[in-house]
Amino acid sequence: MLLNRTVESLMREGKNIASKGGIVTRKTALLPYVPGSEWELEATLDRMVAKGSLTTPAYEDIRSRKIVRSKRCFVILADKSNSLGPTIDYVALAVSILAEALRNEDYAVVLFDDRIREVKAVGDFKEESDVLEEILNVECSGATNLHAAFEEVSRQFASASSGAEGICVVVSDVIPTVGPDPLEAASTLPQMEVLYFPNNSTAIGETCADDLEALPRVRVREIRELGDIVDAIQDIISFGSLEVAHG
């Protein structure tokens, strides 16, 4: 009964997160100056320093700041391998909340161990209840092929609408046990958010969480309890502080 109430509460939280989202994200963009817009002093000074000129800025060095909006495409990549063990229910809950929160956006759900299982593809319609039912009934099995999983993410992004911003959300202990080194495949992805479930068993293998976090455009969030899941997903869905530089 307590577990049922917890699941219901978390799914409501997913709906609340979704209500604050949408199919677009806001970003701060640094753009060439247009008369009437406000200067972005720090970016302008950076360009002047780079050119070795700290007197009067050239017109082409002046930058302004603007909020831009773009569509997003998410690929939820969920680990169901044996190494997850007792945390598989947390993984299923995290993916379910993500799917609920992203119901107004284009997204895919991919489960993996040493094989790939597509629950929902980018661009396809699938009843939300069917997606959630399949996720919540997942059982862990198999080894962990992160390389193949990241390659599948690239394939999913290839089906996204033109101009959509690709974001991969990995839910895993990120311990590769089979397949090639996953870092090269991971480095090709446009952006990655990792919900990292630490595994203290040294018998399974070593996590590559630190190696992933060292890559550009990758953020790793450690998940220790249910509240961490909600906080991480809220941050991922509502992020808007990334800057895009133009010129």
Protein backbone atom coordinates (compact mmCIF):
# COMPACT_ATOMS: atom_id res chain seq x y z
CA MET A 1 0.00 0.00 0.00
CA LEU A 2 2.82 2.40 0.90
CA LEU A 3 4.58 1.59 -2.39
CA ASN A 4 1.38 2.20 -4.35
CA ARG A 5 0.92 5.60 -2.70
CA THR A 6 4.56 6.46 -3.41
CA VAL A 7 4.19 5.54 -7.09
CA GLU A 8 0.95 7.53 -7.38
CA SER A 9 2.58 10.54 -5.72
CA LEU A 10 5.59 10.40 -8.03
CA MET A 11 3.42 10.07 -11.14
CA ARG A 12 1.45 13.13 -10.04
CA GLU A 13 4.79 14.90 -9.75
CA GLY A 14 5.50 13.88 -13.34
CA LYS A 15 2.24 15.54 -14.41
CA ASN A 16 3.18 18.68 -12.47
CA ILE A 17 6.56 18.80 -14.19
CA ALA A 18 4.91 18.35 -17.58
CA SER A 19 2.52 21.22 -16.93
CA LYS A 20 5.53 23.53 -16.57
CA GLY A 21 7.21 22.23 -19.73
CA GLY A 22 6.01 22.23 -23.32
CA ILE A 23 7.45 21.53 -26.72
CA VAL A 24 9.96 24.36 -26.59
CA THR A 25 12.86 25.35 -24.38
CA ARG A 26 14.22 28.80 -23.64
CA LYS A 27 17.90 29.53 -24.07
CA THR A 28 20.02 32.60 -23.68
CA ALA A 29 21.73 33.33 -27.01
CA LEU A 30 24.63 35.71 -27.59
CA LEU A 31 24.07 37.44 -30.93
CA PRO A 32 25.74 40.16 -33.02
CA TYR A 33 24.57 43.60 -31.93
CA VAL A 34 21.48 45.08 -33.55
CA PRO A 35 20.75 48.80 -33.01
CA GLY A 36 18.21 49.17 -30.23
CA SER A 37 19.19 45.99 -28.39
CA GLU A 38 21.10 45.92 -25.11
CA TRP A 39 24.84 45.28 -25.03
CA GLU A 40 26.18 42.11 -23.42
CA LEU A 41 29.28 43.64 -21.82
CA GLU A 42 31.14 40.48 -20.78
CA ALA A 43 30.81 38.79 -24.19
CA THR A 44 31.85 42.02 -25.93
CA LEU A 45 34.95 42.35 -23.74
CA ASP A 46 35.83 38.70 -24.39
CA ARG A 47 35.88 39.35 -28.13
CA MET A 48 37.96 42.52 -27.67
CA VAL A 49 40.50 40.68 -25.51
CA ALA A 50 40.71 37.86 -28.06
CA LYS A 51 41.58 40.44 -30.73
CA GLY A 52 44.03 42.30 -28.48
CA SER A 53 42.01 45.53 -28.49
CA LEU A 54 40.80 47.08 -25.22
CA THR A 55 40.17 50.65 -26.37
CA THR A 56 37.10 51.25 -28.51
CA PRO A 57 35.16 48.12 -29.56
CA ALA A 58 34.64 47.55 -33.25
CA TYR A 59 31.01 47.28 -34.27
CA GLU A 60 31.38 43.60 -35.16
CA ASP A 61 32.72 42.85 -31.65
CA ILE A 62 29.61 44.07 -29.85
CA ARG A 63 27.30 41.32 -28.62
CA SER A 64 23.74 41.40 -27.32
CA ARG A 65 21.71 38.83 -25.38
CA LYS A 66 18.41 37.39 -26.52
CA ILE A 67 16.06 34.63 -25.39
CA VAL A 68 15.55 32.09 -28.18
CA ARG A 69 13.16 29.15 -28.27
CA SER A 70 13.70 25.78 -29.91
CA LYS A 71 12.00 22.40 -30.10
CA ARG A 72 13.42 19.50 -28.16
CA CYS A 73 13.65 15.78 -28.78
CA PHE A 74 14.40 13.47 -25.85
CA VAL A 75 15.64 9.89 -25.91
CA ILE A 76 15.21 8.14 -22.56
CA LEU A 77 17.80 5.37 -22.35
CA ALA A 78 17.04 2.98 -19.49
CA ASP A 79 19.37 0.25 -18.27
CA LYS A 80 17.63 -3.05 -17.42
CA SER A 81 20.76 -5.20 -17.07
CA ASN A 82 21.48 -7.53 -14.16
CA SER A 83 23.80 -5.04 -12.46
CA LEU A 84 20.81 -2.86 -11.53
CA GLY A 85 19.50 -5.62 -9.24
CA PRO A 86 17.40 -4.18 -6.40
CA THR A 87 17.39 -0.66 -7.89
CA ILE A 88 15.50 -1.69 -11.03
CA ASP A 89 12.22 -0.46 -9.50
CA TYR A 90 13.76 2.98 -8.99
CA VAL A 91 14.95 2.94 -12.59
CA ALA A 92 11.45 2.05 -13.79
CA LEU A 93 9.96 4.85 -11.69
CA ALA A 94 12.48 7.38 -12.99
CA VAL A 95 11.72 6.46 -16.61
CA SER A 96 7.96 6.52 -15.95
CA ILE A 97 8.12 10.01 -14.44
CA LEU A 98 10.25 11.19 -17.36
CA ALA A 99 7.80 9.76 -19.89
CA GLU A 100 4.90 11.40 -18.04
CA ALA A 101 6.72 14.73 -17.90
CA LEU A 102 7.59 14.58 -21.61
CA ARG A 103 4.14 13.68 -22.90
CA ASN A 104 3.87 17.08 -24.65
CA GLU A 105 7.25 16.68 -26.36
CA ASP A 106 8.80 14.38 -28.94
CA TYR A 107 10.52 11.55 -27.12
CA ALA A 108 11.65 7.95 -27.37
CA VAL A 109 12.04 5.28 -24.70
CA VAL A 110 14.74 2.65 -25.20
CA LEU A 111 15.51 -0.17 -22.77
CA PHE A 112 18.85 -1.92 -22.98
CA ASP A 113 21.06 -4.62 -21.53
CA ASP A 114 23.24 -6.47 -24.05
CA ARG A 115 20.39 -5.94 -26.52
CA ILE A 116 18.20 -2.99 -27.48
CA ARG A 117 14.45 -2.90 -26.87
CA GLU A 118 12.52 0.03 -28.32
CA VAL A 119 9.44 0.92 -26.26
CA LYS A 120 8.60 4.10 -28.16
CA ALA A 121 10.43 5.61 -31.13
CA VAL A 122 11.04 9.27 -31.91
CA GLY A 123 8.20 10.62 -34.02
CA ASP A 124 5.84 7.73 -33.27
CA PHE A 125 2.58 7.99 -31.36
CA LYS A 126 1.97 5.50 -28.59
CA GLU A 127 -0.66 5.65 -25.88
CA GLU A 128 0.86 7.03 -22.71
CA SER A 129 -0.71 4.25 -20.64
CA ASP A 130 0.92 1.59 -22.86
CA VAL A 131 4.34 3.20 -22.46
CA LEU A 132 4.00 3.42 -18.68
CA GLU A 133 2.69 -0.14 -18.33
CA GLU A 134 5.63 -1.57 -20.26
CA ILE A 135 8.15 0.45 -18.25
CA LEU A 136 6.69 -0.34 -14.83
CA ASN A 137 6.71 -4.08 -15.59
CA VAL A 138 10.34 -4.21 -16.66
CA GLU A 139 12.61 -6.89 -15.17
CA CYS A 140 16.39 -6.78 -15.15
CA SER A 141 18.43 -9.31 -17.13
CA GLY A 142 21.50 -9.52 -19.34
CA ALA A 143 24.85 -7.74 -19.55
CA THR A 144 25.39 -4.00 -20.19
CA ASN A 145 26.32 -2.82 -23.68
CA LEU A 146 26.48 0.96 -23.34
CA HIS A 147 28.17 1.39 -26.72
CA ALA A 148 25.24 -0.20 -28.57
CA ALA A 149 22.80 1.82 -26.47
CA PHE A 150 24.46 5.14 -27.37
CA GLU A 151 24.52 4.16 -31.04
CA GLU A 152 20.77 3.54 -30.83
CA VAL A 153 20.31 7.04 -29.41
CA SER A 154 22.05 8.49 -32.47
CA ARG A 155 19.72 6.48 -34.69
CA GLN A 156 16.69 7.83 -32.82
CA PHE A 157 17.88 11.44 -33.13
CA ALA A 158 18.22 10.96 -36.89
CA SER A 159 14.41 10.66 -36.99
CA ALA A 160 13.81 13.91 -35.08
CA SER A 161 12.30 16.93 -36.78
CA SER A 162 14.72 19.35 -38.40
CA GLY A 163 16.27 21.79 -35.94
CA ALA A 164 15.12 19.93 -32.84
CA GLU A 165 17.55 19.93 -29.93
CA GLY A 166 18.53 16.36 -29.05
CA ILE A 167 18.81 15.42 -25.38
CA CYS A 168 19.65 11.89 -24.22
CA VAL A 169 18.62 11.01 -20.66
CA VAL A 170 20.47 7.93 -19.40
CA VAL A 171 19.07 6.06 -16.39
CA SER A 172 21.74 3.59 -15.35
CA ASP A 173 24.65 2.62 -13.12
CA VAL A 174 26.74 3.11 -16.31
CA ILE A 175 28.87 0.01 -15.77
CA PRO A 176 29.74 -1.36 -19.23
CA THR A 177 30.30 -5.12 -19.11
CA VAL A 178 30.24 -6.04 -22.83
CA GLY A 179 30.86 -4.30 -26.13
CA PRO A 180 33.38 -1.63 -27.21
CA ASP A 181 34.36 1.37 -25.11
CA PRO A 182 31.18 3.50 -24.93
CA LEU A 183 32.90 6.88 -24.62
CA GLU A 184 33.46 7.44 -28.33
CA ALA A 185 29.78 6.80 -29.10
CA ALA A 186 28.75 8.97 -26.15
CA SER A 187 30.91 11.87 -27.35
CA THR A 188 28.94 12.12 -30.61
CA LEU A 189 25.63 12.85 -28.86
CA PRO A 190 24.47 16.48 -28.77
CA GLN A 191 23.65 16.50 -25.05
CA MET A 192 23.47 13.88 -22.31
CA GLU A 193 21.90 13.93 -18.87
CA VAL A 194 22.79 10.92 -16.70
CA LEU A 195 20.64 9.79 -13.78
CA TYR A 196 23.37 7.76 -12.12
CA PHE A 197 22.45 4.92 -9.76
CA PRO A 198 25.68 4.01 -7.91
CA ASN A 199 26.46 0.30 -7.61
CA ASN A 200 28.81 -0.58 -4.76
CA SER A 201 29.57 -4.10 -6.00
CA THR A 202 33.16 -4.31 -7.27
CA ALA A 203 32.48 -7.78 -8.71
CA ILE A 204 30.44 -6.36 -11.60
CA GLY A 205 32.91 -3.84 -12.97
CA GLU A 206 33.78 -0.15 -12.84
CA THR A 207 31.37 2.63 -13.62
CA CYS A 208 32.24 5.12 -16.35
CA ALA A 209 30.25 7.94 -14.70
CA ASP A 210 33.32 10.12 -14.16
CA ASP A 211 34.56 9.51 -17.71
CA LEU A 212 31.17 10.48 -19.12
CA GLU A 213 31.03 13.63 -16.99
CA ALA A 214 34.43 14.66 -18.35
CA LEU A 215 32.93 14.82 -21.85
CA PRO A 216 31.50 18.12 -23.11
CA ARG A 217 27.72 18.49 -22.95
CA VAL A 218 27.32 15.74 -20.32
CA ARG A 219 25.89 16.21 -16.82
CA VAL A 220 25.78 13.40 -14.25
CA ARG A 221 23.36 13.44 -11.32
CA GLU A 222 23.76 10.85 -8.57
CA ILE A 223 20.50 9.22 -7.47
CA ARG A 224 20.38 7.96 -3.88
CA GLU A 225 16.69 8.33 -3.00
CA LEU A 226 13.29 8.98 -4.57
CA GLY A 227 13.48 12.73 -4.03
CA ASP A 228 16.68 12.87 -6.10
CA ILE A 229 14.76 11.48 -9.08
CA VAL A 230 12.13 14.22 -9.00
CA ASP A 231 14.70 16.98 -8.48
CA ALA A 232 16.84 15.75 -11.38
CA ILE A 233 13.93 15.42 -13.78
CA GLN A 234 12.55 18.84 -12.85
CA ASP A 235 15.96 20.34 -13.62
CA ILE A 236 16.31 18.49 -16.93
CA ILE A 237 12.83 19.37 -18.17
CA SER A 238 12.91 23.02 -17.16
CA PHE A 239 16.55 23.89 -17.90
CA GLY A 240 17.07 27.12 -19.78
CA SER A 241 20.41 28.58 -18.73
CA LEU A 242 22.57 27.10 -21.47
CA GLU A 243 24.04 29.75 -23.74
CA VAL A 244 24.33 29.60 -27.48
CA ALA A 245 26.95 31.80 -29.09
CA HIS A 246 26.48 33.04 -32.65
CA GLY A 247 29.49 34.54 -34.38
